[in-house]
Amino acid sequence: MPFGLLKYGLSTDYPAKHHFTPATELKKHYDVVIIGGGGHGTAIAYNLAKYHGITNIAILEKNYLGGGNTARNTAVIRSNYLTEAGVNFYSESVKLFNNLSNEFNYNVMMENRGQLTLAHSDAAIRSFRWRAEVNQHLGVRSELVDRQAIAELVPNLNMNASLTLGCAPAILA
């Protein structure tokens, strides 16, 4: 069985559908060259094409487009920031990402989840409280939760004060 899988994986006659277009020869001239084809690089190319009509773009990426943290689902697209401008900007980003699968007719694997950010000092708690209030005022779900709520949300988290540096309330967005 493992040898069959290895043979399948190394086969040049790969039967699965390729989701990514193969690399092509570079042209001599581009209007824009973007170094890095992760989430940020591809977003720049997308916005230049969609909103500015610039389509003569080269994205130089050593792996595949949309790879890196974006592909490993470690990229965080969130709207819980501290300033009004930041909250509004990132709220719009979340809305854009929510519709990308439909727009591309391709599953970009966007999944809405909450984010729990732990505070380890009184100063961090004050900052979290301020951030939660700004976000709530601007219509973004963000709340300060206590140690008990954290323990219920993440039962496997070791809430031992010496291990969590006195972990106090967290912001849940």
C-alpha atoms as a PDB file:
ATOM      1  CA  MET A   1       0.000   0.000   0.000  1.00  0.00           C
ATOM      2  CA  PRO A   2       2.664   2.646   0.843  1.00  0.00           C
ATOM      3  CA  PHE A   3       4.529   1.853  -2.392  1.00  0.00           C
ATOM      4  CA  GLY A   4       1.358   2.411  -4.430  1.00  0.00           C
ATOM      5  CA  LEU A   5       0.888   5.784  -2.774  1.00  0.00           C
ATOM      6  CA  LEU A   6       4.518   6.703  -3.463  1.00  0.00           C
ATOM      7  CA  LYS A   7       4.168   5.624  -7.110  1.00  0.00           C
ATOM      8  CA  TYR A   8       0.994   7.704  -7.404  1.00  0.00           C
ATOM      9  CA  GLY A   9       2.639  10.716  -5.812  1.00  0.00           C
ATOM     10  CA  LEU A  10       5.718  10.595  -8.037  1.00  0.00           C
ATOM     11  CA  SER A  11       3.837   9.878 -11.246  1.00  0.00           C
ATOM     12  CA  THR A  12       4.106  12.437 -14.032  1.00  0.00           C
ATOM     13  CA  ASP A  13       0.708  11.225 -15.242  1.00  0.00           C
ATOM     14  CA  TYR A  14      -0.999  12.693 -12.203  1.00  0.00           C
ATOM     15  CA  PRO A  15      -4.717  11.934 -12.455  1.00  0.00           C
ATOM     16  CA  ALA A  16      -5.953  14.628 -10.082  1.00  0.00           C
ATOM     17  CA  LYS A  17      -7.186  17.998 -11.316  1.00  0.00           C
ATOM     18  CA  HIS A  18      -4.565  20.721 -10.966  1.00  0.00           C
ATOM     19  CA  HIS A  19      -5.940  23.720  -9.130  1.00  0.00           C
ATOM     20  CA  PHE A  20      -3.050  26.015  -9.888  1.00  0.00           C
ATOM     21  CA  THR A  21      -1.840  27.018 -13.313  1.00  0.00           C
ATOM     22  CA  PRO A  22       1.753  26.030 -13.991  1.00  0.00           C
ATOM     23  CA  ALA A  23       4.455  28.683 -13.993  1.00  0.00           C
ATOM     24  CA  THR A  24       4.920  30.369 -17.352  1.00  0.00           C
ATOM     25  CA  GLU A  25       7.854  32.027 -19.024  1.00  0.00           C
ATOM     26  CA  LEU A  26       8.325  35.609 -17.910  1.00  0.00           C
ATOM     27  CA  LYS A  27       7.697  38.383 -20.400  1.00  0.00           C
ATOM     28  CA  LYS A  28      10.249  41.119 -20.958  1.00  0.00           C
ATOM     29  CA  HIS A  29       7.962  43.829 -19.521  1.00  0.00           C
ATOM     30  CA  TYR A  30       5.237  44.134 -16.874  1.00  0.00           C
ATOM     31  CA  ASP A  31       3.361  47.147 -15.602  1.00  0.00           C
ATOM     32  CA  VAL A  32       3.705  45.821 -12.034  1.00  0.00           C
ATOM     33  CA  VAL A  33       5.974  43.172 -10.517  1.00  0.00           C
ATOM     34  CA  ILE A  34       4.988  41.815  -7.102  1.00  0.00           C
ATOM     35  CA  ILE A  35       7.543  39.891  -5.073  1.00  0.00           C
ATOM     36  CA  GLY A  36       5.770  37.261  -2.996  1.00  0.00           C
ATOM     37  CA  GLY A  37       2.545  35.512  -3.896  1.00  0.00           C
ATOM     38  CA  GLY A  38       1.105  34.866  -0.461  1.00  0.00           C
ATOM     39  CA  GLY A  39      -2.024  36.514   0.850  1.00  0.00           C
ATOM     40  CA  HIS A  40      -0.722  40.073   0.576  1.00  0.00           C
ATOM     41  CA  GLY A  41       0.875  39.744  -2.851  1.00  0.00           C
ATOM     42  CA  THR A  42      -2.126  38.062  -4.424  1.00  0.00           C
ATOM     43  CA  ALA A  43      -4.469  40.602  -2.788  1.00  0.00           C
ATOM     44  CA  ILE A  44      -2.471  43.448  -4.326  1.00  0.00           C
ATOM     45  CA  ALA A  45      -2.640  41.826  -7.772  1.00  0.00           C
ATOM     46  CA  TYR A  46      -6.370  41.166  -7.384  1.00  0.00           C
ATOM     47  CA  ASN A  47      -7.139  44.752  -6.386  1.00  0.00           C
ATOM     48  CA  LEU A  48      -4.962  46.250  -9.131  1.00  0.00           C
ATOM     49  CA  ALA A  49      -6.789  44.149 -11.728  1.00  0.00           C
ATOM     50  CA  LYS A  50     -10.314  44.537 -10.373  1.00  0.00           C
ATOM     51  CA  TYR A  51     -10.324  48.182  -9.355  1.00  0.00           C
ATOM     52  CA  HIS A  52      -7.608  49.760 -11.494  1.00  0.00           C
ATOM     53  CA  GLY A  53      -7.677  47.704 -14.702  1.00  0.00           C
ATOM     54  CA  ILE A  54      -3.994  46.806 -14.381  1.00  0.00           C
ATOM     55  CA  THR A  55      -3.688  43.230 -15.601  1.00  0.00           C
ATOM     56  CA  ASN A  56      -0.117  43.098 -16.936  1.00  0.00           C
ATOM     57  CA  ILE A  57       1.171  41.886 -13.553  1.00  0.00           C
ATOM     58  CA  ALA A  58       3.877  39.398 -12.640  1.00  0.00           C
ATOM     59  CA  ILE A  59       3.769  37.741  -9.242  1.00  0.00           C
ATOM     60  CA  LEU A  60       7.120  36.199  -8.389  1.00  0.00           C
ATOM     61  CA  GLU A  61       6.666  33.364  -5.900  1.00  0.00           C
ATOM     62  CA  LYS A  62       9.036  30.485  -5.183  1.00  0.00           C
ATOM     63  CA  ASN A  63       6.200  28.101  -4.268  1.00  0.00           C
ATOM     64  CA  TYR A  64       2.562  28.419  -5.263  1.00  0.00           C
ATOM     65  CA  LEU A  65       0.282  31.443  -5.197  1.00  0.00           C
ATOM     66  CA  GLY A  66      -1.612  31.896  -1.963  1.00  0.00           C
ATOM     67  CA  GLY A  67       0.823  29.632  -0.132  1.00  0.00           C
ATOM     68  CA  GLY A  68       2.703  30.270   3.071  1.00  0.00           C
ATOM     69  CA  ASN A  69       0.712  31.252   6.146  1.00  0.00           C
ATOM     70  CA  THR A  70      -2.369  31.909   4.060  1.00  0.00           C
ATOM     71  CA  ALA A  71      -2.490  28.309   2.812  1.00  0.00           C
ATOM     72  CA  ARG A  72      -1.720  26.846   6.232  1.00  0.00           C
ATOM     73  CA  ASN A  73      -4.767  28.644   7.657  1.00  0.00           C
ATOM     74  CA  THR A  74      -2.632  30.664  10.004  1.00  0.00           C
ATOM     75  CA  ALA A  75      -3.418  33.963   8.352  1.00  0.00           C
ATOM     76  CA  VAL A  76      -5.848  35.964  10.424  1.00  0.00           C
ATOM     77  CA  ILE A  77      -8.246  38.344   8.761  1.00  0.00           C
ATOM     78  CA  ARG A  78      -9.831  40.258  11.576  1.00  0.00           C
ATOM     79  CA  SER A  79     -11.565  43.498  12.274  1.00  0.00           C
ATOM     80  CA  ASN A  80     -10.928  44.010  15.979  1.00  0.00           C
ATOM     81  CA  TYR A  81      -8.450  46.865  15.926  1.00  0.00           C
ATOM     82  CA  LEU A  82      -8.070  49.915  18.121  1.00  0.00           C
ATOM     83  CA  THR A  83      -8.699  52.900  15.866  1.00  0.00           C
ATOM     84  CA  GLU A  84     -11.890  53.707  13.996  1.00  0.00           C
ATOM     85  CA  ALA A  85     -10.013  53.795  10.682  1.00  0.00           C
ATOM     86  CA  GLY A  86      -8.395  50.420  11.397  1.00  0.00           C
ATOM     87  CA  VAL A  87     -11.655  48.782  12.439  1.00  0.00           C
ATOM     88  CA  ASN A  88     -13.490  50.073   9.346  1.00  0.00           C
ATOM     89  CA  PHE A  89     -10.659  49.087   6.988  1.00  0.00           C
ATOM     90  CA  TYR A  90     -10.342  45.559   8.348  1.00  0.00           C
ATOM     91  CA  SER A  91     -14.111  45.058   8.627  1.00  0.00           C
ATOM     92  CA  GLU A  92     -14.287  45.684   4.889  1.00  0.00           C
ATOM     93  CA  SER A  93     -11.429  43.187   4.386  1.00  0.00           C
ATOM     94  CA  VAL A  94     -13.382  40.496   6.226  1.00  0.00           C
ATOM     95  CA  LYS A  95     -16.414  41.174   4.004  1.00  0.00           C
ATOM     96  CA  LEU A  96     -14.270  40.912   0.866  1.00  0.00           C
ATOM     97  CA  PHE A  97     -12.723  37.603   1.954  1.00  0.00           C
ATOM     98  CA  ASN A  98     -16.132  36.158   2.829  1.00  0.00           C
ATOM     99  CA  ASN A  99     -17.197  36.467  -0.829  1.00  0.00           C
ATOM    100  CA  LEU A 100     -13.969  35.426  -2.595  1.00  0.00           C
ATOM    101  CA  SER A 101     -14.929  31.755  -3.021  1.00  0.00           C
ATOM    102  CA  ASN A 102     -18.097  32.799  -4.865  1.00  0.00           C
ATOM    103  CA  GLU A 103     -16.310  35.410  -6.945  1.00  0.00           C
ATOM    104  CA  PHE A 104     -13.511  33.026  -7.993  1.00  0.00           C
ATOM    105  CA  ASN A 105     -15.716  29.921  -8.172  1.00  0.00           C
ATOM    106  CA  TYR A 106     -12.946  28.297  -6.160  1.00  0.00           C
ATOM    107  CA  ASN A 107     -12.891  27.379  -2.477  1.00  0.00           C
ATOM    108  CA  VAL A 108     -10.404  29.725  -0.799  1.00  0.00           C
ATOM    109  CA  MET A 109     -11.181  27.927   2.478  1.00  0.00           C
ATOM    110  CA  MET A 110     -12.237  31.065   4.315  1.00  0.00           C
ATOM    111  CA  GLU A 111     -13.661  30.077   7.655  1.00  0.00           C
ATOM    112  CA  ASN A 112     -15.055  32.472  10.204  1.00  0.00           C
ATOM    113  CA  ARG A 113     -13.847  31.701  13.692  1.00  0.00           C
ATOM    114  CA  GLY A 114     -13.393  33.697  16.815  1.00  0.00           C
ATOM    115  CA  GLN A 115     -10.034  34.859  18.046  1.00  0.00           C
ATOM    116  CA  LEU A 116      -9.068  34.688  21.682  1.00  0.00           C
ATOM    117  CA  THR A 117      -6.193  36.951  22.671  1.00  0.00           C
ATOM    118  CA  LEU A 118      -4.902  36.474  26.204  1.00  0.00           C
ATOM    119  CA  ALA A 119      -3.770  39.360  28.397  1.00  0.00           C
ATOM    120  CA  HIS A 120      -0.763  38.882  30.671  1.00  0.00           C
ATOM    121  CA  SER A 121      -0.649  42.231  32.475  1.00  0.00           C
ATOM    122  CA  ASP A 122      -2.902  44.956  33.842  1.00  0.00           C
ATOM    123  CA  ALA A 123      -1.786  47.246  31.001  1.00  0.00           C
ATOM    124  CA  ALA A 124      -2.839  44.630  28.441  1.00  0.00           C
ATOM    125  CA  ILE A 125      -6.220  44.267  30.142  1.00  0.00           C
ATOM    126  CA  ARG A 126      -6.760  48.047  29.917  1.00  0.00           C
ATOM    127  CA  SER A 127      -5.790  47.974  26.233  1.00  0.00           C
ATOM    128  CA  PHE A 128      -8.123  45.020  25.547  1.00  0.00           C
ATOM    129  CA  ARG A 129     -11.007  46.767  27.309  1.00  0.00           C
ATOM    130  CA  TRP A 130     -10.424  49.905  25.245  1.00  0.00           C
ATOM    131  CA  ARG A 131     -10.188  47.902  22.006  1.00  0.00           C
ATOM    132  CA  ALA A 132     -13.380  45.946  22.807  1.00  0.00           C
ATOM    133  CA  GLU A 133     -15.280  49.173  23.490  1.00  0.00           C
ATOM    134  CA  VAL A 134     -14.099  50.782  20.234  1.00  0.00           C
ATOM    135  CA  ASN A 135     -15.083  47.672  18.270  1.00  0.00           C
ATOM    136  CA  GLN A 136     -18.493  47.369  19.924  1.00  0.00           C
ATOM    137  CA  HIS A 137     -19.166  51.036  19.183  1.00  0.00           C
ATOM    138  CA  LEU A 138     -18.382  50.367  15.492  1.00  0.00           C
ATOM    139  CA  GLY A 139     -20.515  47.213  15.273  1.00  0.00           C
ATOM    140  CA  VAL A 140     -17.757  44.588  15.473  1.00  0.00           C
ATOM    141  CA  ARG A 141     -18.363  41.701  17.869  1.00  0.00           C
ATOM    142  CA  SER A 142     -15.653  41.992  20.460  1.00  0.00           C
ATOM    143  CA  GLU A 143     -15.897  41.348  24.165  1.00  0.00           C
ATOM    144  CA  LEU A 144     -13.719  41.036  27.226  1.00  0.00           C
ATOM    145  CA  VAL A 145     -14.073  37.642  28.875  1.00  0.00           C
ATOM    146  CA  ASP A 146     -12.827  36.460  32.260  1.00  0.00           C
ATOM    147  CA  ARG A 147     -10.719  33.452  33.301  1.00  0.00           C
ATOM    148  CA  GLN A 148     -13.784  31.242  33.795  1.00  0.00           C
ATOM    149  CA  ALA A 149     -15.097  31.989  30.286  1.00  0.00           C
ATOM    150  CA  ILE A 150     -11.635  31.282  28.845  1.00  0.00           C
ATOM    151  CA  ALA A 151     -11.514  27.933  30.651  1.00  0.00           C
ATOM    152  CA  GLU A 152     -14.957  27.044  29.257  1.00  0.00           C
ATOM    153  CA  LEU A 153     -14.049  28.102  25.713  1.00  0.00           C
ATOM    154  CA  VAL A 154     -10.682  26.294  25.749  1.00  0.00           C
ATOM    155  CA  PRO A 155     -10.954  23.459  28.270  1.00  0.00           C
ATOM    156  CA  ASN A 156      -7.480  22.078  27.460  1.00  0.00           C
ATOM    157  CA  LEU A 157      -5.725  25.380  28.144  1.00  0.00           C
ATOM    158  CA  ASN A 158      -3.619  25.163  31.286  1.00  0.00           C
ATOM    159  CA  MET A 159      -4.923  28.047  33.375  1.00  0.00           C
ATOM    160  CA  ASN A 160      -2.181  27.650  35.994  1.00  0.00           C
ATOM    161  CA  ALA A 161      -1.174  31.231  36.766  1.00  0.00           C
ATOM    162  CA  SER A 162       2.544  30.416  36.736  1.00  0.00           C
ATOM    163  CA  LEU A 163       2.271  28.967  33.219  1.00  0.00           C
ATOM    164  CA  THR A 164       0.088  31.694  31.770  1.00  0.00           C
ATOM    165  CA  LEU A 165       1.919  34.583  33.413  1.00  0.00           C
ATOM    166  CA  GLY A 166      -1.116  35.528  35.459  1.00  0.00           C
ATOM    167  CA  CYS A 167      -3.437  35.302  32.501  1.00  0.00           C
ATOM    168  CA  ALA A 168      -6.301  37.661  33.128  1.00  0.00           C
ATOM    169  CA  PRO A 169      -9.254  38.566  30.927  1.00  0.00           C
ATOM    170  CA  ALA A 170      -9.001  38.044  27.211  1.00  0.00           C
ATOM    171  CA  ILE A 171     -10.549  39.707  24.234  1.00  0.00           C
ATOM    172  CA  LEU A 172     -12.836  37.505  22.190  1.00  0.00           C
ATOM    173  CA  ALA A 173     -13.537  38.709  18.675  1.00  0.00           C
END
